[in-house]
């Protein structure tokens, strides 16, 4: 996208009017109300340094071993020194070979990059060198590879598997205390280390039959006891941060308290968010469960408001509507499912909250994905969720909850100011302040940021004000996918704990 300076300069050079090329703008935007960052801040108070992808132990081991192998090659004199780029290329090659070998043995292996590796699956050999490899390597480095910031890259460092080398750009070394573990891992492939893929920098060719053979030697789930023990010490044991240790202890406590064989992640998530009275053993509920419940409430608040925006977009396909019309239409849907009192205070702020936020989350999801969708039930689920969240709003906002991201405490203050209004007047304020204003602020602000950085040309604004009221932005031809809760890292924690042998 041209900058303002570029456009002004082009204008100065023009001597007569001309037709500009049509703009090419994609519709999109994954955070339409700007509410999701607070969720991540809350996650860091329970399960920091994890993400939703890095859920297996073996990739940590492979990457640590690859960087140790770099040191081995240099120290044994098999190279007359190596540049940072050559060392990174070697590690990228090991990572790609590992992924290739696993997909050859099991196409459904749960590691990133299955689609990106499809081209190698049918090849008899692959040359790790030249322009094609460099393109693939660079793509994997920033998207589908283990070291990618989207995958295992951040936690390889934050969990202490890799340490940066001061004198190298993007160069790492494994924590020296990992040597016994890496020795054990290397023993399984000791007879293969003479292959150039494992013993030299620079371009090498690997045959598919070799990759398949290696895949059987270092399978994703064939873990030694030392691998399991080491991961747990860094995940939730002696080498973990205090916050993550408490979060992991909460997962284990909830799993144990359910007293069921292999309970689902959903059951664990729900028990973690329960008040102590719902636990089979009340005294086993860790204090950090309060933080987890707060996270799930905030998840619910975000999902309820994004669902309200989603519902509004669907209604506006029928034509422009003013705020009060939208509110009345929504309220009419709710009235068929529940009795609406005379004031917003009676309706939204007067009932004690004793439910579990996860139950409300799932009810909204059920209604969003119901086919055909029942708008009356969806409206009722949204209102029930918002009322629950307002009743559970904290007395103070967290420091990381910036005001423009609508902290739940601020929403509660708004609701208290509107408490004497009728339900339709209350909803009108909700639509105008929490939906339309939030959406416009974040959609336009993010679009301007993209323009300044010459980033993607994405039109995030879905609703604008016109003469007849609120209407859909030109080009908005479909409602889009229903919103989903932000993944809360729990499934990653459960997967790693199971591989560590801590959930039995």
Protein backbone atom coordinates (compact mmCIF):
# COMPACT_ATOMS: atom_id res chain seq x y z
CA UNK A 1 0.00 0.00 0.00
CA UNK A 2 1.56 3.38 -1.00
CA UNK A 3 2.39 5.78 1.80
CA UNK A 4 0.83 9.25 1.97
CA UNK A 5 4.16 10.73 0.86
CA UNK A 6 4.18 8.47 -2.22
CA UNK A 7 0.66 9.55 -3.15
CA UNK A 8 1.47 13.25 -2.74
CA UNK A 9 4.60 12.92 -4.86
CA UNK A 10 2.68 11.09 -7.59
CA UNK A 11 0.01 13.80 -7.50
CA UNK A 12 2.59 16.54 -7.95
CA UNK A 13 3.92 14.82 -11.07
CA UNK A 14 0.51 14.48 -12.73
CA UNK A 15 -0.39 17.02 -15.42
CA UNK A 16 -3.96 15.88 -16.00
CA UNK A 17 -6.62 13.68 -14.36
CA UNK A 18 -6.19 9.92 -14.66
CA UNK A 19 -8.06 6.79 -13.63
CA UNK A 20 -6.45 5.02 -10.71
CA UNK A 21 -6.16 1.26 -10.55
CA UNK A 22 -8.89 -0.40 -8.49
CA UNK A 23 -7.76 -1.15 -4.95
CA UNK A 24 -7.36 -4.75 -3.94
CA UNK A 25 -8.50 -5.17 -0.40
CA UNK A 26 -9.19 -8.40 1.46
CA UNK A 27 -11.91 -8.66 4.05
CA UNK A 28 -10.78 -10.06 7.38
CA UNK A 29 -9.69 -9.31 10.92
CA UNK A 30 -9.42 -11.82 13.77
CA UNK A 31 -9.86 -9.36 16.65
CA UNK A 32 -12.84 -7.19 15.59
CA UNK A 33 -13.37 -5.61 19.02
CA UNK A 34 -9.77 -5.47 20.24
CA UNK A 35 -10.53 -7.65 23.28
CA UNK A 36 -8.18 -10.59 22.85
CA UNK A 37 -4.91 -9.19 24.21
CA UNK A 38 -6.30 -9.11 27.75
CA UNK A 39 -6.94 -12.85 27.44
CA UNK A 40 -3.28 -13.45 26.69
CA UNK A 41 -2.27 -11.34 29.68
CA UNK A 42 -4.48 -13.48 31.91
CA UNK A 43 -3.07 -16.70 30.42
CA UNK A 44 0.39 -15.57 31.42
CA UNK A 45 -0.81 -15.48 35.03
CA UNK A 46 -1.56 -19.22 34.95
CA UNK A 47 0.29 -21.00 32.10
CA UNK A 48 3.07 -18.69 30.88
CA UNK A 49 5.66 -19.61 28.22
CA UNK A 50 3.41 -22.15 26.49
CA UNK A 51 1.43 -21.90 23.25
CA UNK A 52 -1.20 -23.99 21.50
CA UNK A 53 1.20 -25.88 19.19
CA UNK A 54 4.27 -26.96 21.15
CA UNK A 55 2.64 -29.95 22.82
CA UNK A 56 5.26 -32.72 22.43
CA UNK A 57 8.57 -33.37 24.15
CA UNK A 58 10.60 -34.81 21.29
CA UNK A 59 10.86 -31.61 19.18
CA UNK A 60 12.56 -29.89 22.14
CA UNK A 61 15.07 -32.73 22.28
CA UNK A 62 15.70 -32.72 18.52
CA UNK A 63 16.39 -28.99 18.42
CA UNK A 64 18.69 -29.10 21.45
CA UNK A 65 20.56 -32.05 19.95
CA UNK A 66 20.88 -30.31 16.57
CA UNK A 67 22.59 -27.31 18.16
CA UNK A 68 24.88 -29.60 20.17
CA UNK A 69 25.71 -31.39 16.93
CA UNK A 70 26.80 -28.04 15.47
CA UNK A 71 29.30 -27.69 18.30
CA UNK A 72 30.50 -31.26 17.79
CA UNK A 73 31.20 -30.70 14.09
CA UNK A 74 33.10 -27.49 14.81
CA UNK A 75 35.10 -28.92 17.72
CA UNK A 76 36.13 -32.12 15.93
CA UNK A 77 37.76 -30.05 13.21
CA UNK A 78 35.50 -31.20 10.42
CA UNK A 79 35.16 -27.60 9.35
CA UNK A 80 37.55 -24.68 9.28
CA UNK A 81 35.14 -22.51 11.20
CA UNK A 82 31.54 -21.83 10.28
CA UNK A 83 29.46 -18.72 9.80
CA UNK A 84 26.29 -18.06 11.76
CA UNK A 85 24.31 -18.66 8.57
CA UNK A 86 25.94 -22.07 8.01
CA UNK A 87 25.20 -23.17 11.56
CA UNK A 88 21.57 -22.06 11.35
CA UNK A 89 21.24 -23.82 7.99
CA UNK A 90 22.50 -27.07 9.51
CA UNK A 91 19.97 -26.92 12.35
CA UNK A 92 17.17 -26.04 9.92
CA UNK A 93 18.16 -29.08 7.87
CA UNK A 94 18.04 -31.41 10.87
CA UNK A 95 14.63 -30.05 11.84
CA UNK A 96 13.28 -30.49 8.29
CA UNK A 97 14.70 -34.02 8.03
CA UNK A 98 13.10 -34.94 11.34
CA UNK A 99 9.68 -33.63 10.23
CA UNK A 100 10.06 -35.35 6.84
CA UNK A 101 10.98 -38.65 8.47
CA UNK A 102 7.99 -38.53 10.82
CA UNK A 103 5.50 -37.76 8.06
CA UNK A 104 6.95 -40.59 5.95
CA UNK A 105 6.28 -43.06 8.76
CA UNK A 106 2.97 -41.55 9.87
CA UNK A 107 1.25 -38.92 7.67
CA UNK A 108 -0.91 -37.87 10.63
CA UNK A 109 1.99 -37.14 12.99
CA UNK A 110 1.04 -34.26 15.29
CA UNK A 111 3.81 -31.82 14.44
CA UNK A 112 3.61 -28.55 12.47
CA UNK A 113 4.11 -28.37 8.72
CA UNK A 114 2.30 -31.39 7.30
CA UNK A 115 1.01 -29.51 4.27
CA UNK A 116 4.31 -27.74 3.70
CA UNK A 117 6.18 -31.08 3.63
CA UNK A 118 3.85 -32.78 1.15
CA UNK A 119 6.16 -32.03 -1.77
CA UNK A 120 8.94 -34.13 -0.20
CA UNK A 121 6.78 -37.15 0.61
CA UNK A 122 6.76 -38.46 -2.98
CA UNK A 123 10.36 -37.49 -3.83
CA UNK A 124 13.02 -40.23 -4.01
CA UNK A 125 15.55 -37.75 -2.63
CA UNK A 126 15.84 -34.13 -1.66
CA UNK A 127 18.75 -31.73 -2.07
CA UNK A 128 19.26 -29.60 1.04
CA UNK A 129 20.94 -26.77 -0.81
CA UNK A 130 20.26 -24.32 -3.59
CA UNK A 131 17.43 -21.83 -4.16
CA UNK A 132 14.53 -24.27 -3.60
CA UNK A 133 15.86 -25.39 -0.23
CA UNK A 134 16.63 -21.80 0.79
CA UNK A 135 13.05 -20.79 0.02
CA UNK A 136 11.67 -23.79 1.93
CA UNK A 137 14.08 -23.25 4.82
CA UNK A 138 13.20 -19.57 5.19
CA UNK A 139 9.49 -20.35 5.04
CA UNK A 140 9.81 -23.02 7.73
CA UNK A 141 11.98 -20.77 9.89
CA UNK A 142 9.14 -18.25 10.25
CA UNK A 143 5.99 -20.35 9.84
CA UNK A 144 5.93 -24.16 9.94
CA UNK A 145 9.30 -25.20 11.40
CA UNK A 146 9.93 -26.04 15.06
CA UNK A 147 12.04 -22.91 15.54
CA UNK A 148 9.27 -20.67 14.20
CA UNK A 149 7.88 -18.06 16.62
CA UNK A 150 4.47 -19.65 15.95
CA UNK A 151 5.55 -23.10 17.10
CA UNK A 152 8.30 -24.35 19.44
CA UNK A 153 10.64 -21.38 18.98
CA UNK A 154 9.64 -19.24 21.99
CA UNK A 155 9.35 -22.09 24.52
CA UNK A 156 12.65 -23.66 23.42
CA UNK A 157 14.20 -20.60 25.01
CA UNK A 158 11.77 -19.76 27.82
CA UNK A 159 11.77 -23.35 29.10
CA UNK A 160 15.56 -23.33 29.01
CA UNK A 161 16.28 -25.92 26.32
CA UNK A 162 18.30 -23.47 24.21
CA UNK A 163 20.56 -20.64 25.35
CA UNK A 164 21.63 -17.81 23.02
CA UNK A 165 25.30 -17.55 22.13
CA UNK A 166 26.40 -13.97 22.68
CA UNK A 167 28.77 -13.77 19.76
CA UNK A 168 26.39 -15.36 17.25
CA UNK A 169 23.37 -13.92 15.45
CA UNK A 170 20.54 -16.40 15.88
CA UNK A 171 22.98 -19.01 17.19
CA UNK A 172 22.17 -21.15 20.23
CA UNK A 173 23.58 -23.87 22.41
CA UNK A 174 21.73 -26.38 24.56
CA UNK A 175 21.73 -26.04 28.32
CA UNK A 176 24.85 -28.04 29.39
CA UNK A 177 22.75 -29.93 31.97
CA UNK A 178 20.95 -31.57 29.04
CA UNK A 179 24.02 -33.55 27.96
CA UNK A 180 22.93 -36.87 29.60
CA UNK A 181 19.54 -36.62 27.89
CA UNK A 182 21.11 -35.74 24.53
CA UNK A 183 23.57 -38.62 24.89
CA UNK A 184 20.64 -40.97 25.37
CA UNK A 185 18.83 -39.56 22.34
CA UNK A 186 21.95 -39.74 20.16
CA UNK A 187 22.54 -43.38 21.11
CA UNK A 188 19.47 -44.40 19.10
CA UNK A 189 20.91 -42.93 15.89
CA UNK A 190 24.61 -43.54 16.59
CA UNK A 191 25.05 -45.74 13.49
CA UNK A 192 23.67 -42.98 11.23
CA UNK A 193 25.90 -40.10 12.33
CA UNK A 194 28.39 -40.70 9.54
CA UNK A 195 25.86 -39.54 6.97
CA UNK A 196 26.65 -36.10 5.59
CA UNK A 197 23.29 -34.82 6.78
CA UNK A 198 24.53 -35.16 10.36
CA UNK A 199 28.22 -34.48 9.92
CA UNK A 200 28.82 -31.50 7.61
CA UNK A 201 27.66 -28.01 6.90
CA UNK A 202 26.50 -26.93 3.47
CA UNK A 203 24.65 -28.71 0.70
CA UNK A 204 23.79 -32.41 1.10
CA UNK A 205 21.38 -34.82 -0.57
CA UNK A 206 19.16 -37.15 1.48
CA UNK A 207 17.33 -40.14 0.05
CA UNK A 208 13.75 -40.82 1.05
CA UNK A 209 14.62 -44.37 2.14
CA UNK A 210 17.21 -42.95 4.55
CA UNK A 211 14.75 -40.45 5.98
CA UNK A 212 12.18 -43.21 6.44
CA UNK A 213 14.74 -45.38 8.26
CA UNK A 214 15.70 -42.53 10.55
CA UNK A 215 12.04 -41.86 11.27
CA UNK A 216 11.74 -45.23 12.96
CA UNK A 217 14.78 -44.50 15.15
CA UNK A 218 13.55 -41.24 16.66
CA UNK A 219 9.76 -41.52 16.69
CA UNK A 220 7.79 -38.71 18.24
CA UNK A 221 6.40 -40.78 21.11
CA UNK A 222 9.33 -43.14 21.82
CA UNK A 223 10.52 -41.19 24.84
CA UNK A 224 13.14 -42.23 27.36
CA UNK A 225 12.55 -41.71 31.08
CA UNK A 226 15.20 -39.01 31.17
CA UNK A 227 13.34 -37.03 28.48
CA UNK A 228 10.11 -37.18 30.47
CA UNK A 229 11.81 -36.26 33.73
CA UNK A 230 13.72 -33.36 32.20
CA UNK A 231 10.64 -31.90 30.51
CA UNK A 232 8.59 -32.01 33.69
CA UNK A 233 11.30 -30.28 35.70
CA UNK A 234 11.17 -27.39 33.20
CA UNK A 235 7.41 -27.45 32.67
CA UNK A 236 6.14 -27.63 36.23
CA UNK A 237 8.97 -28.86 38.44
CA UNK A 238 12.02 -27.41 40.12
CA UNK A 239 13.26 -25.49 37.05
CA UNK A 240 9.89 -23.95 36.17
CA UNK A 241 8.87 -20.42 37.10
CA UNK A 242 6.71 -20.11 40.21
CA UNK A 243 3.71 -19.03 38.15
CA UNK A 244 3.90 -21.92 35.70
CA UNK A 245 4.61 -24.40 38.51
CA UNK A 246 1.38 -23.33 40.21
CA UNK A 247 -0.56 -23.49 36.93
CA UNK A 248 0.68 -26.98 36.16
CA UNK A 249 -0.11 -28.05 39.72
CA UNK A 250 -3.68 -26.83 39.14
CA UNK A 251 -4.00 -28.98 36.01
CA UNK A 252 -2.77 -32.05 37.89
CA UNK A 253 -5.03 -31.31 40.88
CA UNK A 254 -8.12 -30.93 38.67
CA UNK A 255 -7.28 -34.13 36.77
CA UNK A 256 -6.92 -36.01 40.06
CA UNK A 257 -10.04 -34.52 41.64
CA UNK A 258 -12.27 -35.64 38.76
CA UNK A 259 -11.58 -39.26 39.74
CA UNK A 260 -12.23 -40.48 36.21
CA UNK A 261 -10.08 -42.51 33.82
CA UNK A 262 -8.60 -40.16 31.23
CA UNK A 263 -11.01 -37.21 31.65
CA UNK A 264 -11.38 -34.89 28.65
CA UNK A 265 -9.60 -31.57 28.46
CA UNK A 266 -13.03 -29.95 28.64
CA UNK A 267 -13.77 -31.69 31.95
CA UNK A 268 -10.40 -30.60 33.32
CA UNK A 269 -10.92 -27.02 32.12
CA UNK A 270 -14.31 -26.92 33.83
CA UNK A 271 -13.08 -28.34 37.14
CA UNK A 272 -10.17 -25.89 37.16
CA UNK A 273 -12.70 -23.04 36.94
CA UNK A 274 -15.08 -24.42 39.58
CA UNK A 275 -15.47 -22.94 43.04
CA UNK A 276 -14.09 -25.22 45.74
CA UNK A 277 -17.59 -26.47 46.68
CA UNK A 278 -17.81 -28.30 43.34
CA UNK A 279 -14.53 -30.19 43.85
CA UNK A 280 -14.70 -33.71 45.24
CA UNK A 281 -11.93 -32.71 47.62
CA UNK A 282 -12.39 -29.01 48.41
CA UNK A 283 -9.02 -28.73 50.13
CA UNK A 284 -7.16 -29.88 47.00
CA UNK A 285 -8.25 -26.84 44.97
CA UNK A 286 -5.16 -24.60 44.50
CA UNK A 287 -5.52 -20.86 45.01
CA UNK A 288 -4.43 -20.22 41.41
CA UNK A 289 -7.80 -21.65 40.37
CA UNK A 290 -9.20 -18.15 41.00
CA UNK A 291 -6.90 -16.78 38.29
CA UNK A 292 -8.00 -19.53 35.91
CA UNK A 293 -11.66 -18.77 36.57
CA UNK A 294 -10.98 -15.09 35.89
CA UNK A 295 -9.42 -16.05 32.55
CA UNK A 296 -12.44 -18.15 31.58
CA UNK A 297 -14.82 -15.32 32.55
CA UNK A 298 -12.86 -12.91 30.37
CA UNK A 299 -12.90 -15.50 27.57
CA UNK A 300 -16.67 -15.65 27.94
CA UNK A 301 -17.05 -11.86 27.90
CA UNK A 302 -15.01 -11.61 24.71
CA UNK A 303 -16.89 -14.45 23.02
CA UNK A 304 -20.30 -13.03 24.01
CA UNK A 305 -19.50 -9.60 22.55
CA UNK A 306 -17.98 -10.99 19.36
CA UNK A 307 -21.04 -13.21 19.01
CA UNK A 308 -23.22 -10.12 19.39
CA UNK A 309 -21.25 -8.46 16.58
CA UNK A 310 -21.62 -11.63 14.50
CA UNK A 311 -25.40 -11.63 15.14
CA UNK A 312 -25.59 -7.92 14.21
CA UNK A 313 -23.83 -8.48 10.88
CA UNK A 314 -26.37 -11.19 10.08
CA UNK A 315 -29.28 -8.87 10.87
CA UNK A 316 -27.91 -6.01 8.75
CA UNK A 317 -28.04 -8.10 5.59
CA UNK A 318 -31.75 -7.21 5.62
CA UNK A 319 -30.92 -3.50 5.36
CA UNK A 320 -29.84 -0.52 7.49
CA UNK A 321 -31.06 -0.35 11.10
CA UNK A 322 -30.77 2.25 13.82
CA UNK A 323 -29.35 1.35 17.21
CA UNK A 324 -32.74 1.15 18.92
CA UNK A 325 -34.08 -1.07 16.12
CA UNK A 326 -31.17 -3.47 16.52
CA UNK A 327 -31.67 -3.52 20.28
CA UNK A 328 -35.42 -4.14 19.97
CA UNK A 329 -34.89 -6.94 17.43
CA UNK A 330 -32.40 -8.61 19.74
CA UNK A 331 -34.62 -8.15 22.79
CA UNK A 332 -37.57 -9.67 20.92
CA UNK A 333 -35.46 -12.78 20.39
CA UNK A 334 -34.58 -12.91 24.08
CA UNK A 335 -38.17 -12.39 25.24
CA UNK A 336 -39.25 -15.67 23.72
CA UNK A 337 -36.69 -17.54 25.80
CA UNK A 338 -36.78 -15.72 29.14
CA UNK A 339 -38.91 -13.15 30.99
CA UNK A 340 -37.43 -9.65 30.84
CA UNK A 341 -37.93 -7.43 33.94
CA UNK A 342 -38.62 -3.72 33.77
CA UNK A 343 -35.11 -2.37 34.36
CA UNK A 344 -31.61 -3.38 33.34
CA UNK A 345 -30.63 -3.72 37.01
CA UNK A 346 -33.29 -6.37 37.63
CA UNK A 347 -32.51 -8.05 34.34
CA UNK A 348 -28.70 -8.08 34.25
CA UNK A 349 -27.22 -7.16 37.63
CA UNK A 350 -29.28 -8.71 40.43
CA UNK A 351 -28.63 -12.47 40.34
CA UNK A 352 -25.75 -14.10 42.21
CA UNK A 353 -23.21 -15.89 39.99
CA UNK A 354 -22.64 -19.48 40.93
CA UNK A 355 -22.35 -21.07 37.49
CA UNK A 356 -19.18 -22.19 35.75
CA UNK A 357 -18.00 -19.84 32.98
CA UNK A 358 -16.96 -22.80 30.81
CA UNK A 359 -20.58 -23.98 30.67
CA UNK A 360 -21.63 -20.58 29.29
CA UNK A 361 -18.76 -20.66 26.79
CA UNK A 362 -19.87 -23.99 25.44
CA UNK A 363 -23.53 -22.97 25.25
CA UNK A 364 -22.65 -20.01 23.03
CA UNK A 365 -20.49 -22.26 20.86
CA UNK A 366 -23.32 -24.78 20.54
CA UNK A 367 -25.72 -22.08 19.40
CA UNK A 368 -23.21 -20.51 17.00
CA UNK A 369 -22.63 -23.83 15.28
CA UNK A 370 -26.20 -25.14 15.36
CA UNK A 371 -27.57 -25.87 11.88
CA UNK A 372 -29.96 -24.32 11.14
CA UNK A 373 -29.02 -21.60 13.60
CA UNK A 374 -31.71 -20.62 16.11
CA UNK A 375 -31.26 -16.88 16.65
CA UNK A 376 -33.57 -16.86 19.66
CA UNK A 377 -31.46 -19.42 21.50
CA UNK A 378 -28.25 -17.69 20.46
CA UNK A 379 -29.56 -14.35 21.78
CA UNK A 380 -30.57 -15.98 25.06
CA UNK A 381 -27.11 -17.59 25.43
CA UNK A 382 -25.39 -14.25 24.77
CA UNK A 383 -27.51 -12.36 27.31
CA UNK A 384 -27.06 -15.07 29.92
CA UNK A 385 -23.28 -14.95 29.38
CA UNK A 386 -23.09 -11.14 29.61
CA UNK A 387 -25.13 -11.11 32.80
CA UNK A 388 -22.86 -13.78 34.29
CA UNK A 389 -19.71 -11.83 33.35
CA UNK A 390 -21.02 -8.56 34.78
CA UNK A 391 -21.83 -10.28 38.05
CA UNK A 392 -18.30 -11.75 38.20
CA UNK A 393 -16.53 -8.52 37.22
CA UNK A 394 -13.53 -7.75 39.47
CA UNK A 395 -13.37 -4.76 41.77
CA UNK A 396 -10.17 -3.56 40.09
CA UNK A 397 -8.80 -4.01 36.57
CA UNK A 398 -5.41 -5.63 36.08
CA UNK A 399 -2.51 -3.34 35.17
CA UNK A 400 -2.26 -4.86 31.68
CA UNK A 401 -5.96 -4.21 30.91
CA UNK A 402 -5.74 -1.00 28.89
CA UNK A 403 -8.99 0.97 28.94
CA UNK A 404 -9.49 0.85 25.16
CA UNK A 405 -9.69 -2.97 25.33
CA UNK A 406 -12.85 -2.77 27.45
CA UNK A 407 -11.77 -4.35 30.75
CA UNK A 408 -14.60 -6.19 32.42
CA UNK A 409 -14.46 -3.81 35.37
CA UNK A 410 -15.07 -0.86 33.01
CA UNK A 411 -17.97 -2.70 31.40
CA UNK A 412 -19.45 -3.27 34.86
CA UNK A 413 -19.17 0.46 35.61
CA UNK A 414 -20.97 1.22 32.33
CA UNK A 415 -23.70 -1.29 33.16
CA UNK A 416 -24.18 0.22 36.63
CA UNK A 417 -24.58 3.68 35.08
CA UNK A 418 -27.21 2.26 32.72
CA UNK A 419 -28.90 0.11 35.38
CA UNK A 420 -32.02 2.29 35.65
CA UNK A 421 -32.72 2.12 31.92
CA UNK A 422 -35.23 -0.22 30.33
CA UNK A 423 -33.80 -3.38 28.78
CA UNK A 424 -34.11 -2.00 25.25
CA UNK A 425 -32.38 1.25 26.25
CA UNK A 426 -29.68 -0.74 28.03
CA UNK A 427 -29.11 -2.87 24.94
CA UNK A 428 -28.96 0.24 22.77
CA UNK A 429 -26.03 1.48 24.89
CA UNK A 430 -24.40 -1.94 24.69
CA UNK A 431 -24.61 -2.01 20.91
CA UNK A 432 -23.39 1.57 20.48
CA UNK A 433 -20.56 1.51 23.04
CA UNK A 434 -19.37 -2.09 23.38
CA UNK A 435 -20.00 -3.22 19.80
CA UNK A 436 -20.09 -0.39 17.24
CA UNK A 437 -17.62 1.98 18.92
CA UNK A 438 -15.19 -0.80 19.87
CA UNK A 439 -15.37 -2.28 16.39
CA UNK A 440 -14.82 1.04 14.60
CA UNK A 441 -11.96 2.03 16.92
CA UNK A 442 -10.03 -1.22 16.44
CA UNK A 443 -10.85 -1.84 12.79
CA UNK A 444 -9.83 1.66 11.69
CA UNK A 445 -6.86 1.86 14.03
CA UNK A 446 -5.46 -1.47 12.87
CA UNK A 447 -6.06 -0.52 9.23
CA UNK A 448 -4.09 2.71 9.66
CA UNK A 449 -1.27 0.79 11.35
CA UNK A 450 -1.17 -1.59 8.39
CA UNK A 451 -1.04 1.33 5.97
CA UNK A 452 1.81 3.00 7.84
CA UNK A 453 3.85 -0.21 7.80
CA UNK A 454 2.84 -1.06 4.22
CA UNK A 455 1.38 -4.29 5.55
CA UNK A 456 -1.54 -6.34 4.31
CA UNK A 457 -4.48 -4.43 2.84
CA UNK A 458 -7.22 -5.91 5.01
CA UNK A 459 -10.59 -4.22 5.45
CA UNK A 460 -11.55 -5.03 9.03
CA UNK A 461 -14.47 -2.62 9.33
CA UNK A 462 -17.72 -4.54 8.81
CA UNK A 463 -20.31 -1.97 9.98
CA UNK A 464 -20.59 1.77 9.27
CA UNK A 465 -23.16 4.51 9.90
CA UNK A 466 -25.23 5.59 6.89
CA UNK A 467 -28.29 7.80 6.40
CA UNK A 468 -30.62 4.96 7.26
CA UNK A 469 -28.64 3.86 10.31
CA UNK A 470 -26.03 1.16 10.75
CA UNK A 471 -25.24 -0.73 7.57
CA UNK A 472 -22.70 -3.22 6.31
CA UNK A 473 -19.48 -1.96 4.78
CA UNK A 474 -19.61 -2.24 0.96
CA UNK A 475 -18.07 -5.55 0.02
CA UNK A 476 -19.33 -7.41 3.08
CA UNK A 477 -21.29 -10.15 1.35
CA UNK A 478 -21.32 -12.86 4.01
CA UNK A 479 -21.46 -13.18 7.74
CA UNK A 480 -18.15 -15.04 7.98
CA UNK A 481 -17.13 -17.75 10.41
CA UNK A 482 -18.55 -17.69 13.94
CA UNK A 483 -16.15 -16.45 16.63
CA UNK A 484 -14.32 -18.98 18.80
CA UNK A 485 -12.76 -18.76 22.27
CA UNK A 486 -9.05 -17.95 22.26
CA UNK A 487 -7.21 -21.26 22.86
CA UNK A 488 -6.02 -21.14 26.46
CA UNK A 489 -2.93 -23.43 26.27
CA UNK A 490 -4.57 -26.04 28.47
CA UNK A 491 -4.45 -28.79 25.84
CA UNK A 492 -0.71 -28.15 25.41
CA UNK A 493 -0.17 -28.49 29.15
CA UNK A 494 -2.24 -31.69 29.29
CA UNK A 495 -0.41 -33.22 26.31
CA UNK A 496 3.02 -32.48 27.79
CA UNK A 497 1.96 -33.74 31.23
CA UNK A 498 0.71 -36.99 29.72
CA UNK A 499 3.98 -37.48 27.89
CA UNK A 500 5.80 -36.76 31.16
CA UNK A 501 3.74 -39.52 32.80
CA UNK A 502 2.16 -37.13 35.31
CA UNK A 503 -1.52 -37.71 34.42
CA UNK A 504 -2.39 -41.30 35.23
